[in-house]
PDB file of N, CA and C in Angstrom:
ATOM      1  N   MET A   1      17.492  11.791  -5.350  1.00  0.00           N
ATOM      2  CA  MET A   1      17.232  10.437  -5.069  1.00  0.00           C
ATOM      3  C   MET A   1      17.009   9.638  -6.333  1.00  0.00           C
ATOM      4  N   VAL A   2      17.500   8.471  -6.308  1.00  0.00           N
ATOM      5  CA  VAL A   2      17.396   7.589  -7.511  1.00  0.00           C
ATOM      6  C   VAL A   2      16.169   6.578  -7.340  1.00  0.00           C
ATOM      7  N   VAL A   3      15.554   6.610  -8.523  1.00  0.00           N
ATOM      8  CA  VAL A   3      14.337   5.663  -8.535  1.00  0.00           C
ATOM      9  C   VAL A   3      14.373   4.686  -9.797  1.00  0.00           C
ATOM     10  N   VAL A   4      13.843   3.670  -9.573  1.00  0.00           N
ATOM     11  CA  VAL A   4      13.730   2.623 -10.647  1.00  0.00           C
ATOM     12  C   VAL A   4      12.309   2.730 -11.165  1.00  0.00           C
ATOM     13  N   ARG A   5      12.285   3.064 -12.478  1.00  0.00           N
ATOM     14  CA  ARG A   5      10.915   3.329 -13.078  1.00  0.00           C
ATOM     15  C   ARG A   5      10.857   3.048 -14.508  1.00  0.00           C
ATOM     16  N   LEU A   6       9.703   3.233 -15.157  1.00  0.00           N
ATOM     17  CA  LEU A   6       9.593   2.968 -16.553  1.00  0.00           C
ATOM     18  C   LEU A   6       9.826   4.138 -17.457  1.00  0.00           C
ATOM     19  N   THR A   7      10.350   4.051 -18.521  1.00  0.00           N
ATOM     20  CA  THR A   7      10.442   5.100 -19.473  1.00  0.00           C
ATOM     21  C   THR A   7       9.880   4.710 -20.749  1.00  0.00           C
ATOM     22  N   ARG A   8       9.045   5.486 -21.522  1.00  0.00           N
ATOM     23  CA  ARG A   8       8.224   5.019 -22.610  1.00  0.00           C
ATOM     24  C   ARG A   8       9.107   5.212 -23.911  1.00  0.00           C
ATOM     25  N   LEU A   9       8.900   4.156 -24.780  1.00  0.00           N
ATOM     26  CA  LEU A   9       9.473   4.156 -26.138  1.00  0.00           C
ATOM     27  C   LEU A   9       8.391   3.713 -27.097  1.00  0.00           C
ATOM     28  N   GLY A  10       8.691   3.642 -28.357  1.00  0.00           N
ATOM     29  CA  GLY A  10       7.709   3.126 -29.250  1.00  0.00           C
ATOM     30  C   GLY A  10       6.901   4.218 -29.885  1.00  0.00           C
ATOM     31  N   ARG A  11       6.119   3.823 -30.896  1.00  0.00           N
ATOM     32  CA  ARG A  11       5.375   4.878 -31.599  1.00  0.00           C
ATOM     33  C   ARG A  11       3.958   4.955 -30.991  1.00  0.00           C
ATOM     34  N   LYS A  12       3.079   5.782 -31.492  1.00  0.00           N
ATOM     35  CA  LYS A  12       1.730   6.025 -31.061  1.00  0.00           C
ATOM     36  C   LYS A  12       1.008   4.694 -31.011  1.00  0.00           C
ATOM     37  N   LYS A  13       0.299   4.335 -29.934  1.00  0.00           N
ATOM     38  CA  LYS A  13      -0.490   3.231 -29.795  1.00  0.00           C
ATOM     39  C   LYS A  13       0.304   1.884 -29.759  1.00  0.00           C
ATOM     40  N   ARG A  14       1.598   1.980 -29.797  1.00  0.00           N
ATOM     41  CA  ARG A  14       2.468   0.713 -29.769  1.00  0.00           C
ATOM     42  C   ARG A  14       3.545   0.966 -28.738  1.00  0.00           C
ATOM     43  N   ALA A  15       3.088   1.192 -27.471  1.00  0.00           N
ATOM     44  CA  ALA A  15       4.015   1.511 -26.378  1.00  0.00           C
ATOM     45  C   ALA A  15       4.974   0.348 -26.041  1.00  0.00           C
ATOM     46  N   PHE A  16       6.145   0.688 -25.652  1.00  0.00           N
ATOM     47  CA  PHE A  16       7.178  -0.202 -25.266  1.00  0.00           C
ATOM     48  C   PHE A  16       7.975   0.520 -24.181  1.00  0.00           C
ATOM     49  N   PHE A  17       8.233  -0.103 -23.043  1.00  0.00           N
ATOM     50  CA  PHE A  17       8.835   0.532 -21.844  1.00  0.00           C
ATOM     51  C   PHE A  17      10.195  -0.092 -21.515  1.00  0.00           C
ATOM     52  N   ARG A  18      11.135   0.755 -21.185  1.00  0.00           N
ATOM     53  CA  ARG A  18      12.384   0.342 -20.565  1.00  0.00           C
ATOM     54  C   ARG A  18      12.302   0.493 -18.967  1.00  0.00           C
ATOM     55  N   ILE A  19      12.875  -0.412 -18.304  1.00  0.00           N
ATOM     56  CA  ILE A  19      12.999  -0.301 -16.822  1.00  0.00           C
ATOM     57  C   ILE A  19      14.410   0.274 -16.563  1.00  0.00           C
ATOM     58  N   VAL A  20      14.442   1.465 -15.994  1.00  0.00           N
ATOM     59  CA  VAL A  20      15.706   2.144 -15.834  1.00  0.00           C
ATOM     60  C   VAL A  20      15.829   2.703 -14.457  1.00  0.00           C
ATOM     61  N   ALA A  21      17.122   2.941 -14.110  1.00  0.00           N
ATOM     62  CA  ALA A  21      17.378   3.739 -12.799  1.00  0.00           C
ATOM     63  C   ALA A  21      17.710   5.115 -13.292  1.00  0.00           C
ATOM     64  N   MET A  22      17.169   6.061 -12.637  1.00  0.00           N
ATOM     65  CA  MET A  22      17.312   7.482 -12.931  1.00  0.00           C
ATOM     66  C   MET A  22      17.107   8.411 -11.781  1.00  0.00           C
ATOM     67  N   ASP A  23      17.645   9.597 -11.918  1.00  0.00           N
ATOM     68  CA  ASP A  23      17.249  10.613 -10.844  1.00  0.00           C
ATOM     69  C   ASP A  23      15.889  10.951 -10.869  1.00  0.00           C
ATOM     70  N   SER A  24      15.227  11.076  -9.664  1.00  0.00           N
ATOM     71  CA  SER A  24      13.789  11.351  -9.582  1.00  0.00           C
ATOM     72  C   SER A  24      13.398  12.711 -10.143  1.00  0.00           C
ATOM     73  N   ARG A  25      14.365  13.645 -10.276  1.00  0.00           N
ATOM     74  CA  ARG A  25      14.006  14.935 -10.746  1.00  0.00           C
ATOM     75  C   ARG A  25      14.081  15.109 -12.379  1.00  0.00           C
ATOM     76  N   LYS A  26      14.479  14.047 -13.014  1.00  0.00           N
ATOM     77  CA  LYS A  26      14.536  14.035 -14.397  1.00  0.00           C
ATOM     78  C   LYS A  26      13.131  13.864 -15.026  1.00  0.00           C
ATOM     79  N   LYS A  27      13.079  14.194 -16.304  1.00  0.00           N
ATOM     80  CA  LYS A  27      11.718  13.854 -16.938  1.00  0.00           C
ATOM     81  C   LYS A  27      11.570  12.418 -17.237  1.00  0.00           C
ATOM     82  N   ARG A  28      10.369  12.022 -17.513  1.00  0.00           N
ATOM     83  CA  ARG A  28      10.061  10.595 -17.712  1.00  0.00           C
ATOM     84  C   ARG A  28      10.896   9.942 -18.719  1.00  0.00           C
ATOM     85  N   ASP A  29      11.152  10.622 -19.812  1.00  0.00           N
ATOM     86  CA  ASP A  29      11.997  10.057 -20.991  1.00  0.00           C
ATOM     87  C   ASP A  29      13.395  10.732 -20.914  1.00  0.00           C
ATOM     88  N   GLY A  30      13.868  11.144 -19.828  1.00  0.00           N
ATOM     89  CA  GLY A  30      15.205  11.811 -19.744  1.00  0.00           C
ATOM     90  C   GLY A  30      16.246  10.734 -19.797  1.00  0.00           C
ATOM     91  N   SER A  31      17.525  11.228 -19.561  1.00  0.00           N
ATOM     92  CA  SER A  31      18.704  10.334 -19.594  1.00  0.00           C
ATOM     93  C   SER A  31      18.711   9.446 -18.347  1.00  0.00           C
ATOM     94  N   ALA A  32      18.934   8.172 -18.517  1.00  0.00           N
ATOM     95  CA  ALA A  32      18.882   7.313 -17.471  1.00  0.00           C
ATOM     96  C   ALA A  32      20.419   6.887 -16.959  1.00  0.00           C
ATOM     97  N   LEU A  33      20.514   6.507 -15.687  1.00  0.00           N
ATOM     98  CA  LEU A  33      21.782   6.159 -15.131  1.00  0.00           C
ATOM     99  C   LEU A  33      22.077   4.771 -15.623  1.00  0.00           C
ATOM    100  N   ASP A  34      21.105   3.828 -15.748  1.00  0.00           N
ATOM    101  CA  ASP A  34      21.373   2.407 -16.125  1.00  0.00           C
ATOM    102  C   ASP A  34      20.132   1.946 -16.579  1.00  0.00           C
ATOM    103  N   ILE A  35      20.085   1.120 -17.622  1.00  0.00           N
ATOM    104  CA  ILE A  35      19.070   0.401 -18.272  1.00  0.00           C
ATOM    105  C   ILE A  35      19.129  -1.048 -17.644  1.00  0.00           C
ATOM    106  N   LEU A  36      17.939  -1.306 -16.969  1.00  0.00           N
ATOM    107  CA  LEU A  36      17.861  -2.660 -16.346  1.00  0.00           C
ATOM    108  C   LEU A  36      17.079  -3.727 -17.065  1.00  0.00           C
ATOM    109  N   GLY A  37      16.194  -3.304 -17.951  1.00  0.00           N
ATOM    110  CA  GLY A  37      15.459  -4.277 -18.660  1.00  0.00           C
ATOM    111  C   GLY A  37      14.422  -3.635 -19.541  1.00  0.00           C
ATOM    112  N   TYR A  38      13.370  -4.449 -19.912  1.00  0.00           N
ATOM    113  CA  TYR A  38      12.224  -3.826 -20.713  1.00  0.00           C
ATOM    114  C   TYR A  38      10.931  -4.508 -20.298  1.00  0.00           C
ATOM    115  N   TYR A  39       9.845  -3.802 -20.667  1.00  0.00           N
ATOM    116  CA  TYR A  39       8.456  -4.301 -20.523  1.00  0.00           C
ATOM    117  C   TYR A  39       7.676  -4.013 -21.805  1.00  0.00           C
ATOM    118  N   ASP A  40       7.185  -5.064 -22.473  1.00  0.00           N
ATOM    119  CA  ASP A  40       6.466  -4.847 -23.644  1.00  0.00           C
ATOM    120  C   ASP A  40       5.067  -5.412 -23.399  1.00  0.00           C
ATOM    121  N   PRO A  41       3.983  -4.548 -23.184  1.00  0.00           N
ATOM    122  CA  PRO A  41       2.766  -4.921 -22.825  1.00  0.00           C
ATOM    123  C   PRO A  41       1.934  -5.625 -24.002  1.00  0.00           C
ATOM    124  N   LEU A  42       2.401  -5.462 -25.248  1.00  0.00           N
ATOM    125  CA  LEU A  42       1.675  -6.003 -26.407  1.00  0.00           C
ATOM    126  C   LEU A  42       2.180  -7.419 -26.798  1.00  0.00           C
ATOM    127  N   LYS A  43       3.235  -7.951 -26.180  1.00  0.00           N
ATOM    128  CA  LYS A  43       3.668  -9.249 -26.435  1.00  0.00           C
ATOM    129  C   LYS A  43       2.725 -10.257 -25.656  1.00  0.00           C
ATOM    130  N   THR A  44       2.601 -11.504 -26.215  1.00  0.00           N
ATOM    131  CA  THR A  44       1.830 -12.528 -25.459  1.00  0.00           C
ATOM    132  C   THR A  44       2.681 -13.273 -24.471  1.00  0.00           C
ATOM    133  N   GLU A  45       4.015 -13.458 -24.866  1.00  0.00           N
ATOM    134  CA  GLU A  45       4.880 -14.227 -23.952  1.00  0.00           C
ATOM    135  C   GLU A  45       6.119 -13.266 -23.778  1.00  0.00           C
ATOM    136  N   ASP A  46       6.746 -13.506 -22.599  1.00  0.00           N
ATOM    137  CA  ASP A  46       7.987 -12.812 -22.273  1.00  0.00           C
ATOM    138  C   ASP A  46       7.835 -11.301 -22.308  1.00  0.00           C
ATOM    139  N   LYS A  47       6.818 -10.881 -21.606  1.00  0.00           N
ATOM    140  CA  LYS A  47       6.505  -9.404 -21.567  1.00  0.00           C
ATOM    141  C   LYS A  47       7.629  -8.645 -20.875  1.00  0.00           C
ATOM    142  N   VAL A  48       8.192  -9.228 -19.890  1.00  0.00           N
ATOM    143  CA  VAL A  48       9.104  -8.562 -19.046  1.00  0.00           C
ATOM    144  C   VAL A  48      10.504  -9.213 -19.095  1.00  0.00           C
ATOM    145  N   LYS A  49      11.566  -8.482 -19.342  1.00  0.00           N
ATOM    146  CA  LYS A  49      12.978  -8.974 -19.196  1.00  0.00           C
ATOM    147  C   LYS A  49      13.613  -7.976 -18.254  1.00  0.00           C
ATOM    148  N   LEU A  50      14.298  -8.544 -17.283  1.00  0.00           N
ATOM    149  CA  LEU A  50      14.916  -7.689 -16.176  1.00  0.00           C
ATOM    150  C   LEU A  50      16.158  -8.406 -15.687  1.00  0.00           C
ATOM    151  N   ASP A  51      17.293  -7.587 -15.688  1.00  0.00           N
ATOM    152  CA  ASP A  51      18.549  -8.161 -15.084  1.00  0.00           C
ATOM    153  C   ASP A  51      18.459  -7.915 -13.573  1.00  0.00           C
ATOM    154  N   LEU A  52      18.033  -8.988 -12.864  1.00  0.00           N
ATOM    155  CA  LEU A  52      17.841  -8.963 -11.477  1.00  0.00           C
ATOM    156  C   LEU A  52      19.127  -8.603 -10.700  1.00  0.00           C
ATOM    157  N   GLU A  53      20.292  -8.964 -11.289  1.00  0.00           N
ATOM    158  CA  GLU A  53      21.521  -8.635 -10.508  1.00  0.00           C
ATOM    159  C   GLU A  53      21.750  -6.999 -10.475  1.00  0.00           C
ATOM    160  N   LYS A  54      21.465  -6.449 -11.623  1.00  0.00           N
ATOM    161  CA  LYS A  54      21.564  -4.979 -11.680  1.00  0.00           C
ATOM    162  C   LYS A  54      20.445  -4.360 -10.764  1.00  0.00           C
ATOM    163  N   TYR A  55      19.248  -4.845 -10.819  1.00  0.00           N
ATOM    164  CA  TYR A  55      18.034  -4.362 -10.085  1.00  0.00           C
ATOM    165  C   TYR A  55      18.354  -4.342  -8.631  1.00  0.00           C
ATOM    166  N   ASN A  56      18.895  -5.567  -8.171  1.00  0.00           N
ATOM    167  CA  ASN A  56      19.190  -5.710  -6.770  1.00  0.00           C
ATOM    168  C   ASN A  56      20.330  -4.830  -6.333  1.00  0.00           C
ATOM    169  N   ALA A  57      21.374  -4.528  -7.106  1.00  0.00           N
ATOM    170  CA  ALA A  57      22.326  -3.695  -6.878  1.00  0.00           C
ATOM    171  C   ALA A  57      21.908  -2.319  -6.684  1.00  0.00           C
ATOM    172  N   TRP A  58      21.020  -1.814  -7.549  1.00  0.00           N
ATOM    173  CA  TRP A  58      20.475  -0.457  -7.353  1.00  0.00           C
ATOM    174  C   TRP A  58      19.601  -0.253  -6.141  1.00  0.00           C
ATOM    175  N   ILE A  59      18.805  -1.376  -5.832  1.00  0.00           N
ATOM    176  CA  ILE A  59      17.982  -1.380  -4.521  1.00  0.00           C
ATOM    177  C   ILE A  59      18.929  -1.293  -3.360  1.00  0.00           C
ATOM    178  N   GLN A  60      20.010  -1.971  -3.363  1.00  0.00           N
ATOM    179  CA  GLN A  60      20.985  -1.951  -2.276  1.00  0.00           C
ATOM    180  C   GLN A  60      21.579  -0.568  -2.142  1.00  0.00           C
ATOM    181  N   LYS A  61      21.789   0.164  -3.186  1.00  0.00           N
ATOM    182  CA  LYS A  61      22.427   1.409  -3.148  1.00  0.00           C
ATOM    183  C   LYS A  61      21.306   2.478  -2.627  1.00  0.00           C
ATOM    184  N   GLY A  62      20.117   2.152  -2.482  1.00  0.00           N
ATOM    185  CA  GLY A  62      19.065   3.051  -2.003  1.00  0.00           C
ATOM    186  C   GLY A  62      18.102   3.556  -3.036  1.00  0.00           C
ATOM    187  N   ALA A  63      18.036   2.974  -4.277  1.00  0.00           N
ATOM    188  CA  ALA A  63      17.039   3.354  -5.250  1.00  0.00           C
ATOM    189  C   ALA A  63      15.685   2.778  -4.759  1.00  0.00           C
ATOM    190  N   ILE A  64      14.654   3.599  -5.064  1.00  0.00           N
ATOM    191  CA  ILE A  64      13.277   3.256  -4.748  1.00  0.00           C
ATOM    192  C   ILE A  64      12.541   2.900  -5.963  1.00  0.00           C
ATOM    193  N   PRO A  65      12.016   1.662  -6.078  1.00  0.00           N
ATOM    194  CA  PRO A  65      11.211   1.268  -7.293  1.00  0.00           C
ATOM    195  C   PRO A  65       9.825   1.899  -7.224  1.00  0.00           C
ATOM    196  N   THR A  66       9.154   2.308  -8.269  1.00  0.00           N
ATOM    197  CA  THR A  66       7.845   2.739  -8.451  1.00  0.00           C
ATOM    198  C   THR A  66       6.934   1.586  -8.230  1.00  0.00           C
ATOM    199  N   PRO A  67       5.586   1.803  -7.943  1.00  0.00           N
ATOM    200  CA  PRO A  67       4.706   0.679  -7.724  1.00  0.00           C
ATOM    201  C   PRO A  67       4.524  -0.141  -9.001  1.00  0.00           C
ATOM    202  N   ALA A  68       4.611   0.471 -10.198  1.00  0.00           N
ATOM    203  CA  ALA A  68       4.519  -0.290 -11.473  1.00  0.00           C
ATOM    204  C   ALA A  68       5.679  -1.344 -11.578  1.00  0.00           C
ATOM    205  N   VAL A  69       6.876  -0.895 -11.241  1.00  0.00           N
ATOM    206  CA  VAL A  69       8.033  -1.646 -11.376  1.00  0.00           C
ATOM    207  C   VAL A  69       7.956  -2.785 -10.257  1.00  0.00           C
ATOM    208  N   GLU A  70       7.565  -2.531  -9.076  1.00  0.00           N
ATOM    209  CA  GLU A  70       7.395  -3.481  -8.106  1.00  0.00           C
ATOM    210  C   GLU A  70       6.491  -4.647  -8.545  1.00  0.00           C
ATOM    211  N   ASN A  71       5.379  -4.255  -9.152  1.00  0.00           N
ATOM    212  CA  ASN A  71       4.438  -5.246  -9.677  1.00  0.00           C
ATOM    213  C   ASN A  71       5.095  -6.075 -10.744  1.00  0.00           C
ATOM    214  N   LEU A  72       5.915  -5.593 -11.611  1.00  0.00           N
ATOM    215  CA  LEU A  72       6.514  -6.297 -12.713  1.00  0.00           C
ATOM    216  C   LEU A  72       7.474  -7.272 -12.159  1.00  0.00           C
ATOM    217  N   VAL A  73       8.305  -6.827 -11.064  1.00  0.00           N
ATOM    218  CA  VAL A  73       9.249  -7.703 -10.383  1.00  0.00           C
ATOM    219  C   VAL A  73       8.573  -8.818  -9.765  1.00  0.00           C
ATOM    220  N   LYS A  74       7.440  -8.568  -9.111  1.00  0.00           N
ATOM    221  CA  LYS A  74       6.651  -9.684  -8.490  1.00  0.00           C
ATOM    222  C   LYS A  74       6.215 -10.745  -9.481  1.00  0.00           C
ATOM    223  N   SER A  75       5.767 -10.221 -10.657  1.00  0.00           N
ATOM    224  CA  SER A  75       5.260 -11.089 -11.571  1.00  0.00           C
ATOM    225  C   SER A  75       6.463 -11.957 -12.239  1.00  0.00           C
ATOM    226  N   LEU A  76       7.577 -11.567 -12.153  1.00  0.00           N
ATOM    227  CA  LEU A  76       8.861 -12.336 -12.628  1.00  0.00           C
ATOM    228  C   LEU A  76       9.174 -13.504 -11.532  1.00  0.00           C
ATOM    229  N   LYS A  77       8.999 -13.128 -10.266  1.00  0.00           N
ATOM    230  CA  LYS A  77       9.391 -14.031  -9.184  1.00  0.00           C
ATOM    231  C   LYS A  77       8.388 -15.159  -9.006  1.00  0.00           C
ATOM    232  N   ARG A  78       7.205 -15.064  -9.628  1.00  0.00           N
ATOM    233  CA  ARG A  78       6.152 -16.205  -9.543  1.00  0.00           C
ATOM    234  C   ARG A  78       6.619 -17.381 -10.408  1.00  0.00           C
TER     235      ARG A  78
END
């Protein structure tokens, strides 16, 4: 099953996340099928960048977003 989830990058105490589509059996930081965007919780503006066309294409193919990704997408649509 394909899921849309966050993968962690950055150094210690300076977390940076990519929003990726990947197989649910892979490790959190394993190889992704597609990179859809990023989330930087330490920025004050433009914390989330997401390619909505790619995101919607993966959702139509049956990918399931995690609750964290769903919240990020909702924050973009406001």
